[in-house]
Amino acid sequence: MKSGIEYYRKSKGLTQAQVAATLETTEARMSRIELGQEIPTAAEIDKLVELLETPPTYLFSRHILNEVAERARASSAA
């Protein structure tokens, strides 16, 4: 499932490389995140929301956001 990141990234005139640099990740990983093949961390979502000035619900499907929240809860409990 494709995310809304590509749409909002392009509307801001940004390249995947520019967004990847903001997220401190690779362009290849950024591509996988955009394609919904990889789930970003909560910190990466925060950076995307700030950079793209868009709510997370516009960038990702609900199941992705639920997965990120579950991972964050599990890591804080450990």
PDB file of N, CA and C in Angstrom:
ATOM      1  N   MET A   1       0.848  -1.172   0.000  1.00  0.00           N
ATOM      2  CA  MET A   1       0.000   0.000   0.000  1.00  0.00           C
ATOM      3  C   MET A   1       0.897   1.240   0.000  1.00  0.00           C
ATOM      4  N   LYS A   2       0.646   2.145  -0.898  1.00  0.00           N
ATOM      5  CA  LYS A   2       1.446   3.364  -1.020  1.00  0.00           C
ATOM      6  C   LYS A   2       0.977   4.390   0.006  1.00  0.00           C
ATOM      7  N   SER A   3       1.934   5.104   0.553  1.00  0.00           N
ATOM      8  CA  SER A   3       1.616   6.138   1.531  1.00  0.00           C
ATOM      9  C   SER A   3       1.349   7.463   0.827  1.00  0.00           C
ATOM     10  N   GLY A   4       0.926   8.448   1.604  1.00  0.00           N
ATOM     11  CA  GLY A   4       0.701   9.777   1.051  1.00  0.00           C
ATOM     12  C   GLY A   4       1.965  10.620   1.026  1.00  0.00           C
ATOM     13  N   ILE A   5       3.073  10.045   1.478  1.00  0.00           N
ATOM     14  CA  ILE A   5       4.313  10.812   1.553  1.00  0.00           C
ATOM     15  C   ILE A   5       4.721  11.349   0.190  1.00  0.00           C
ATOM     16  N   GLU A   6       4.667  10.499  -0.816  1.00  0.00           N
ATOM     17  CA  GLU A   6       5.106  10.920  -2.153  1.00  0.00           C
ATOM     18  C   GLU A   6       4.329  12.145  -2.629  1.00  0.00           C
ATOM     19  N   TYR A   7       3.028  12.113  -2.465  1.00  0.00           N
ATOM     20  CA  TYR A   7       2.190  13.238  -2.897  1.00  0.00           C
ATOM     21  C   TYR A   7       2.618  14.536  -2.207  1.00  0.00           C
ATOM     22  N   TYR A   8       2.726  14.499  -0.881  1.00  0.00           N
ATOM     23  CA  TYR A   8       3.060  15.705  -0.133  1.00  0.00           C
ATOM     24  C   TYR A   8       4.516  16.114  -0.339  1.00  0.00           C
ATOM     25  N   ARG A   9       5.404  15.146  -0.508  1.00  0.00           N
ATOM     26  CA  ARG A   9       6.808  15.448  -0.794  1.00  0.00           C
ATOM     27  C   ARG A   9       6.919  16.215  -2.106  1.00  0.00           C
ATOM     28  N   LYS A  10       6.251  15.693  -3.141  1.00  0.00           N
ATOM     29  CA  LYS A  10       6.306  16.341  -4.449  1.00  0.00           C
ATOM     30  C   LYS A  10       5.628  17.712  -4.428  1.00  0.00           C
ATOM     31  N   SER A  11       4.550  17.846  -3.650  1.00  0.00           N
ATOM     32  CA  SER A  11       3.870  19.142  -3.582  1.00  0.00           C
ATOM     33  C   SER A  11       4.753  20.206  -2.937  1.00  0.00           C
ATOM     34  N   LYS A  12       5.721  19.777  -2.129  1.00  0.00           N
ATOM     35  CA  LYS A  12       6.683  20.699  -1.512  1.00  0.00           C
ATOM     36  C   LYS A  12       7.922  20.877  -2.384  1.00  0.00           C
ATOM     37  N   GLY A  13       7.986  20.137  -3.504  1.00  0.00           N
ATOM     38  CA  GLY A  13       9.132  20.237  -4.399  1.00  0.00           C
ATOM     39  C   GLY A  13      10.386  19.566  -3.866  1.00  0.00           C
ATOM     40  N   LEU A  14      10.198  18.558  -3.016  1.00  0.00           N
ATOM     41  CA  LEU A  14      11.327  17.862  -2.404  1.00  0.00           C
ATOM     42  C   LEU A  14      11.607  16.532  -3.108  1.00  0.00           C
ATOM     43  N   THR A  15      12.862  16.145  -3.106  1.00  0.00           N
ATOM     44  CA  THR A  15      13.247  14.840  -3.646  1.00  0.00           C
ATOM     45  C   THR A  15      13.286  13.819  -2.517  1.00  0.00           C
ATOM     46  N   GLN A  16      13.305  12.546  -2.895  1.00  0.00           N
ATOM     47  CA  GLN A  16      13.455  11.505  -1.877  1.00  0.00           C
ATOM     48  C   GLN A  16      14.770  11.682  -1.127  1.00  0.00           C
ATOM     49  N   ALA A  17      15.814  12.086  -1.834  1.00  0.00           N
ATOM     50  CA  ALA A  17      17.118  12.270  -1.199  1.00  0.00           C
ATOM     51  C   ALA A  17      17.059  13.363  -0.134  1.00  0.00           C
ATOM     52  N   GLN A  18      16.353  14.440  -0.408  1.00  0.00           N
ATOM     53  CA  GLN A  18      16.225  15.527   0.566  1.00  0.00           C
ATOM     54  C   GLN A  18      15.468  15.064   1.805  1.00  0.00           C
ATOM     55  N   VAL A  19      14.388  14.326   1.594  1.00  0.00           N
ATOM     56  CA  VAL A  19      13.602  13.827   2.724  1.00  0.00           C
ATOM     57  C   VAL A  19      14.418  12.798   3.501  1.00  0.00           C
ATOM     58  N   ALA A  20      15.117  11.928   2.794  1.00  0.00           N
ATOM     59  CA  ALA A  20      15.961  10.923   3.452  1.00  0.00           C
ATOM     60  C   ALA A  20      17.018  11.597   4.327  1.00  0.00           C
ATOM     61  N   ALA A  21      17.598  12.681   3.848  1.00  0.00           N
ATOM     62  CA  ALA A  21      18.601  13.400   4.631  1.00  0.00           C
ATOM     63  C   ALA A  21      17.994  13.958   5.918  1.00  0.00           C
ATOM     64  N   THR A  22      16.784  14.481   5.833  1.00  0.00           N
ATOM     65  CA  THR A  22      16.091  14.987   7.025  1.00  0.00           C
ATOM     66  C   THR A  22      15.834  13.861   8.021  1.00  0.00           C
ATOM     67  N   LEU A  23      15.483  12.679   7.506  1.00  0.00           N
ATOM     68  CA  LEU A  23      15.214  11.533   8.362  1.00  0.00           C
ATOM     69  C   LEU A  23      16.487  10.813   8.797  1.00  0.00           C
ATOM     70  N   GLU A  24      17.631  11.254   8.251  1.00  0.00           N
ATOM     71  CA  GLU A  24      18.915  10.616   8.536  1.00  0.00           C
ATOM     72  C   GLU A  24      18.880   9.141   8.165  1.00  0.00           C
ATOM     73  N   THR A  25      18.373   8.878   6.963  1.00  0.00           N
ATOM     74  CA  THR A  25      18.304   7.520   6.434  1.00  0.00           C
ATOM     75  C   THR A  25      18.750   7.545   4.984  1.00  0.00           C
ATOM     76  N   THR A  26      18.688   6.394   4.335  1.00  0.00           N
ATOM     77  CA  THR A  26      19.105   6.319   2.937  1.00  0.00           C
ATOM     78  C   THR A  26      17.939   6.614   2.004  1.00  0.00           C
ATOM     79  N   GLU A  27      18.283   6.990   0.789  1.00  0.00           N
ATOM     80  CA  GLU A  27      17.252   7.218  -0.223  1.00  0.00           C
ATOM     81  C   GLU A  27      16.511   5.913  -0.527  1.00  0.00           C
ATOM     82  N   ALA A  28      17.219   4.793  -0.516  1.00  0.00           N
ATOM     83  CA  ALA A  28      16.587   3.493  -0.765  1.00  0.00           C
ATOM     84  C   ALA A  28      15.541   3.185   0.308  1.00  0.00           C
ATOM     85  N   ARG A  29      15.875   3.448   1.567  1.00  0.00           N
ATOM     86  CA  ARG A  29      14.909   3.209   2.648  1.00  0.00           C
ATOM     87  C   ARG A  29      13.734   4.168   2.531  1.00  0.00           C
ATOM     88  N   MET A  30      14.019   5.419   2.157  1.00  0.00           N
ATOM     89  CA  MET A  30      12.939   6.389   1.971  1.00  0.00           C
ATOM     90  C   MET A  30      11.973   5.901   0.898  1.00  0.00           C
ATOM     91  N   SER A  31      12.497   5.337  -0.161  1.00  0.00           N
ATOM     92  CA  SER A  31      11.657   4.786  -1.224  1.00  0.00           C
ATOM     93  C   SER A  31      10.771   3.664  -0.682  1.00  0.00           C
ATOM     94  N   ARG A  32      11.353   2.781   0.119  1.00  0.00           N
ATOM     95  CA  ARG A  32      10.569   1.673   0.687  1.00  0.00           C
ATOM     96  C   ARG A  32       9.485   2.186   1.639  1.00  0.00           C
ATOM     97  N   ILE A  33       9.793   3.245   2.389  1.00  0.00           N
ATOM     98  CA  ILE A  33       8.786   3.845   3.276  1.00  0.00           C
ATOM     99  C   ILE A  33       7.648   4.423   2.436  1.00  0.00           C
ATOM    100  N   GLU A  34       7.994   5.154   1.380  1.00  0.00           N
ATOM    101  CA  GLU A  34       6.960   5.735   0.502  1.00  0.00           C
ATOM    102  C   GLU A  34       6.077   4.659  -0.111  1.00  0.00           C
ATOM    103  N   LEU A  35       6.672   3.540  -0.461  1.00  0.00           N
ATOM    104  CA  LEU A  35       5.917   2.455  -1.099  1.00  0.00           C
ATOM    105  C   LEU A  35       5.148   1.604  -0.085  1.00  0.00           C
ATOM    106  N   GLY A  36       5.344   1.882   1.200  1.00  0.00           N
ATOM    107  CA  GLY A  36       4.657   1.105   2.222  1.00  0.00           C
ATOM    108  C   GLY A  36       5.299  -0.247   2.461  1.00  0.00           C
ATOM    109  N   GLN A  37       6.530  -0.417   2.012  1.00  0.00           N
ATOM    110  CA  GLN A  37       7.248  -1.677   2.178  1.00  0.00           C
ATOM    111  C   GLN A  37       8.035  -1.726   3.482  1.00  0.00           C
ATOM    112  N   GLU A  38       8.200  -0.581   4.095  1.00  0.00           N
ATOM    113  CA  GLU A  38       8.925  -0.494   5.360  1.00  0.00           C
ATOM    114  C   GLU A  38       8.213   0.501   6.258  1.00  0.00           C
ATOM    115  N   ILE A  39       8.179   0.196   7.539  1.00  0.00           N
ATOM    116  CA  ILE A  39       7.480   1.050   8.493  1.00  0.00           C
ATOM    117  C   ILE A  39       8.492   1.986   9.159  1.00  0.00           C
ATOM    118  N   PRO A  40       8.227   3.289   9.124  1.00  0.00           N
ATOM    119  CA  PRO A  40       9.144   4.239   9.754  1.00  0.00           C
ATOM    120  C   PRO A  40       9.021   4.199  11.274  1.00  0.00           C
ATOM    121  N   THR A  41      10.014   4.739  11.927  1.00  0.00           N
ATOM    122  CA  THR A  41       9.961   4.853  13.386  1.00  0.00           C
ATOM    123  C   THR A  41       9.066   6.032  13.756  1.00  0.00           C
ATOM    124  N   ALA A  42       8.707   6.106  15.033  1.00  0.00           N
ATOM    125  CA  ALA A  42       7.905   7.233  15.507  1.00  0.00           C
ATOM    126  C   ALA A  42       8.660   8.548  15.311  1.00  0.00           C
ATOM    127  N   ALA A  43       9.973   8.535  15.544  1.00  0.00           N
ATOM    128  CA  ALA A  43      10.781   9.744  15.361  1.00  0.00           C
ATOM    129  C   ALA A  43      10.790  10.176  13.896  1.00  0.00           C
ATOM    130  N   GLU A  44      10.861   9.201  12.987  1.00  0.00           N
ATOM    131  CA  GLU A  44      10.827   9.524  11.560  1.00  0.00           C
ATOM    132  C   GLU A  44       9.484  10.115  11.152  1.00  0.00           C
ATOM    133  N   ILE A  45       8.417   9.585  11.710  1.00  0.00           N
ATOM    134  CA  ILE A  45       7.089  10.135  11.421  1.00  0.00           C
ATOM    135  C   ILE A  45       7.007  11.575  11.906  1.00  0.00           C
ATOM    136  N   ASP A  46       7.522  11.839  13.094  1.00  0.00           N
ATOM    137  CA  ASP A  46       7.522  13.212  13.618  1.00  0.00           C
ATOM    138  C   ASP A  46       8.261  14.160  12.669  1.00  0.00           C
ATOM    139  N   LYS A  47       9.412  13.718  12.167  1.00  0.00           N
ATOM    140  CA  LYS A  47      10.186  14.544  11.240  1.00  0.00           C
ATOM    141  C   LYS A  47       9.437  14.766   9.926  1.00  0.00           C
ATOM    142  N   LEU A  48       8.774  13.730   9.425  1.00  0.00           N
ATOM    143  CA  LEU A  48       7.994  13.857   8.185  1.00  0.00           C
ATOM    144  C   LEU A  48       6.841  14.833   8.357  1.00  0.00           C
ATOM    145  N   VAL A  49       6.147  14.730   9.469  1.00  0.00           N
ATOM    146  CA  VAL A  49       5.014  15.614   9.750  1.00  0.00           C
ATOM    147  C   VAL A  49       5.478  17.063   9.775  1.00  0.00           C
ATOM    148  N   GLU A  50       6.614  17.304  10.415  1.00  0.00           N
ATOM    149  CA  GLU A  50       7.152  18.662  10.491  1.00  0.00           C
ATOM    150  C   GLU A  50       7.616  19.143   9.115  1.00  0.00           C
ATOM    151  N   LEU A  51       8.366  18.315   8.406  1.00  0.00           N
ATOM    152  CA  LEU A  51       8.906  18.697   7.105  1.00  0.00           C
ATOM    153  C   LEU A  51       7.804  18.937   6.077  1.00  0.00           C
ATOM    154  N   LEU A  52       6.834  18.039   6.035  1.00  0.00           N
ATOM    155  CA  LEU A  52       5.782  18.116   5.014  1.00  0.00           C
ATOM    156  C   LEU A  52       4.577  18.932   5.464  1.00  0.00           C
ATOM    157  N   GLU A  53       4.597  19.353   6.740  1.00  0.00           N
ATOM    158  CA  GLU A  53       3.499  20.155   7.300  1.00  0.00           C
ATOM    159  C   GLU A  53       2.149  19.506   7.032  1.00  0.00           C
ATOM    160  N   THR A  54       2.087  18.220   7.361  1.00  0.00           N
ATOM    161  CA  THR A  54       0.903  17.409   7.077  1.00  0.00           C
ATOM    162  C   THR A  54       0.652  16.452   8.243  1.00  0.00           C
ATOM    163  N   PRO A  55      -0.600  16.263   8.665  1.00  0.00           N
ATOM    164  CA  PRO A  55      -0.886  15.326   9.744  1.00  0.00           C
ATOM    165  C   PRO A  55      -0.483  13.898   9.369  1.00  0.00           C
ATOM    166  N   PRO A  56      -0.076  13.100  10.356  1.00  0.00           N
ATOM    167  CA  PRO A  56       0.337  11.726  10.062  1.00  0.00           C
ATOM    168  C   PRO A  56      -0.753  10.902   9.385  1.00  0.00           C
ATOM    169  N   THR A  57      -1.997  11.193   9.690  1.00  0.00           N
ATOM    170  CA  THR A  57      -3.086  10.425   9.077  1.00  0.00           C
ATOM    171  C   THR A  57      -3.199  10.681   7.579  1.00  0.00           C
ATOM    172  N   TYR A  58      -2.621  11.771   7.098  1.00  0.00           N
ATOM    173  CA  TYR A  58      -2.601  12.042   5.657  1.00  0.00           C
ATOM    174  C   TYR A  58      -1.427  11.335   4.985  1.00  0.00           C
ATOM    175  N   LEU A  59      -0.419  10.980   5.776  1.00  0.00           N
ATOM    176  CA  LEU A  59       0.785  10.367   5.236  1.00  0.00           C
ATOM    177  C   LEU A  59       0.747   8.841   5.253  1.00  0.00           C
ATOM    178  N   PHE A  60       0.059   8.276   6.241  1.00  0.00           N
ATOM    179  CA  PHE A  60       0.070   6.828   6.439  1.00  0.00           C
ATOM    180  C   PHE A  60      -1.326   6.291   6.700  1.00  0.00           C
ATOM    181  N   SER A  61      -1.499   5.027   6.379  1.00  0.00           N
ATOM    182  CA  SER A  61      -2.765   4.375   6.702  1.00  0.00           C
ATOM    183  C   SER A  61      -2.828   4.128   8.212  1.00  0.00           C
ATOM    184  N   ARG A  62      -3.988   3.899   8.697  1.00  0.00           N
ATOM    185  CA  ARG A  62      -4.195   3.680  10.130  1.00  0.00           C
ATOM    186  C   ARG A  62      -3.407   2.477  10.634  1.00  0.00           C
ATOM    187  N   HIS A  63      -3.323   1.394   9.834  1.00  0.00           N
ATOM    188  CA  HIS A  63      -2.616   0.203  10.328  1.00  0.00           C
ATOM    189  C   HIS A  63      -1.127   0.474  10.513  1.00  0.00           C
ATOM    190  N   ILE A  64      -0.541   1.330   9.690  1.00  0.00           N
ATOM    191  CA  ILE A  64       0.869   1.698   9.858  1.00  0.00           C
ATOM    192  C   ILE A  64       1.037   2.496  11.151  1.00  0.00           C
ATOM    193  N   LEU A  65       0.174   3.460  11.382  1.00  0.00           N
ATOM    194  CA  LEU A  65       0.264   4.269  12.597  1.00  0.00           C
ATOM    195  C   LEU A  65       0.062   3.417  13.846  1.00  0.00           C
ATOM    196  N   ASN A  66      -0.842   2.440  13.789  1.00  0.00           N
ATOM    197  CA  ASN A  66      -1.050   1.532  14.915  1.00  0.00           C
ATOM    198  C   ASN A  66       0.193   0.690  15.177  1.00  0.00           C
ATOM    199  N   GLU A  67       0.833   0.215  14.120  1.00  0.00           N
ATOM    200  CA  GLU A  67       2.056  -0.584  14.253  1.00  0.00           C
ATOM    201  C   GLU A  67       3.173   0.236  14.893  1.00  0.00           C
ATOM    202  N   VAL A  68       3.320   1.478  14.482  1.00  0.00           N
ATOM    203  CA  VAL A  68       4.352   2.354  15.049  1.00  0.00           C
ATOM    204  C   VAL A  68       4.082   2.585  16.537  1.00  0.00           C
ATOM    205  N   ALA A  69       2.842   2.835  16.874  1.00  0.00           N
ATOM    206  CA  ALA A  69       2.482   3.059  18.281  1.00  0.00           C
ATOM    207  C   ALA A  69       2.746   1.807  19.115  1.00  0.00           C
ATOM    208  N   GLU A  70       2.426   0.652  18.573  1.00  0.00           N
ATOM    209  CA  GLU A  70       2.653  -0.615  19.287  1.00  0.00           C
ATOM    210  C   GLU A  70       4.148  -0.839  19.505  1.00  0.00           C
ATOM    211  N   ARG A  71       4.958  -0.572  18.504  1.00  0.00           N
ATOM    212  CA  ARG A  71       6.415  -0.715  18.633  1.00  0.00           C
ATOM    213  C   ARG A  71       6.965   0.240  19.690  1.00  0.00           C
ATOM    214  N   ALA A  72       6.460   1.460  19.715  1.00  0.00           N
ATOM    215  CA  ALA A  72       6.915   2.447  20.687  1.00  0.00           C
ATOM    216  C   ALA A  72       6.558   2.002  22.101  1.00  0.00           C
ATOM    217  N   ARG A  73       5.354   1.474  22.284  1.00  0.00           N
ATOM    218  CA  ARG A  73       4.939   0.977  23.611  1.00  0.00           C
ATOM    219  C   ARG A  73       5.814  -0.192  24.042  1.00  0.00           C
ATOM    220  N   ALA A  74       6.096  -1.101  23.115  1.00  0.00           N
ATOM    221  CA  ALA A  74       6.908  -2.291  23.439  1.00  0.00           C
ATOM    222  C   ALA A  74       8.328  -1.880  23.806  1.00  0.00           C
ATOM    223  N   SER A  75       8.893  -0.927  23.093  1.00  0.00           N
ATOM    224  CA  SER A  75      10.279  -0.527  23.392  1.00  0.00           C
ATOM    225  C   SER A  75      10.368   0.249  24.699  1.00  0.00           C
ATOM    226  N   SER A  76       9.337   0.997  25.049  1.00  0.00           N
ATOM    227  CA  SER A  76       9.374   1.740  26.311  1.00  0.00           C
ATOM    228  C   SER A  76       9.128   0.815  27.503  1.00  0.00           C
ATOM    229  N   ALA A  77       8.462  -0.307  27.276  1.00  0.00           N
ATOM    230  CA  ALA A  77       8.205  -1.268  28.345  1.00  0.00           C
ATOM    231  C   ALA A  77       9.410  -2.153  28.611  1.00  0.00           C
ATOM    232  N   ALA A  78      10.314  -2.228  27.646  1.00  0.00           N
ATOM    233  CA  ALA A  78      11.489  -3.116  27.779  1.00  0.00           C
ATOM    234  C   ALA A  78      12.567  -2.535  28.655  1.00  0.00           C
TER     235      ALA A  78
END
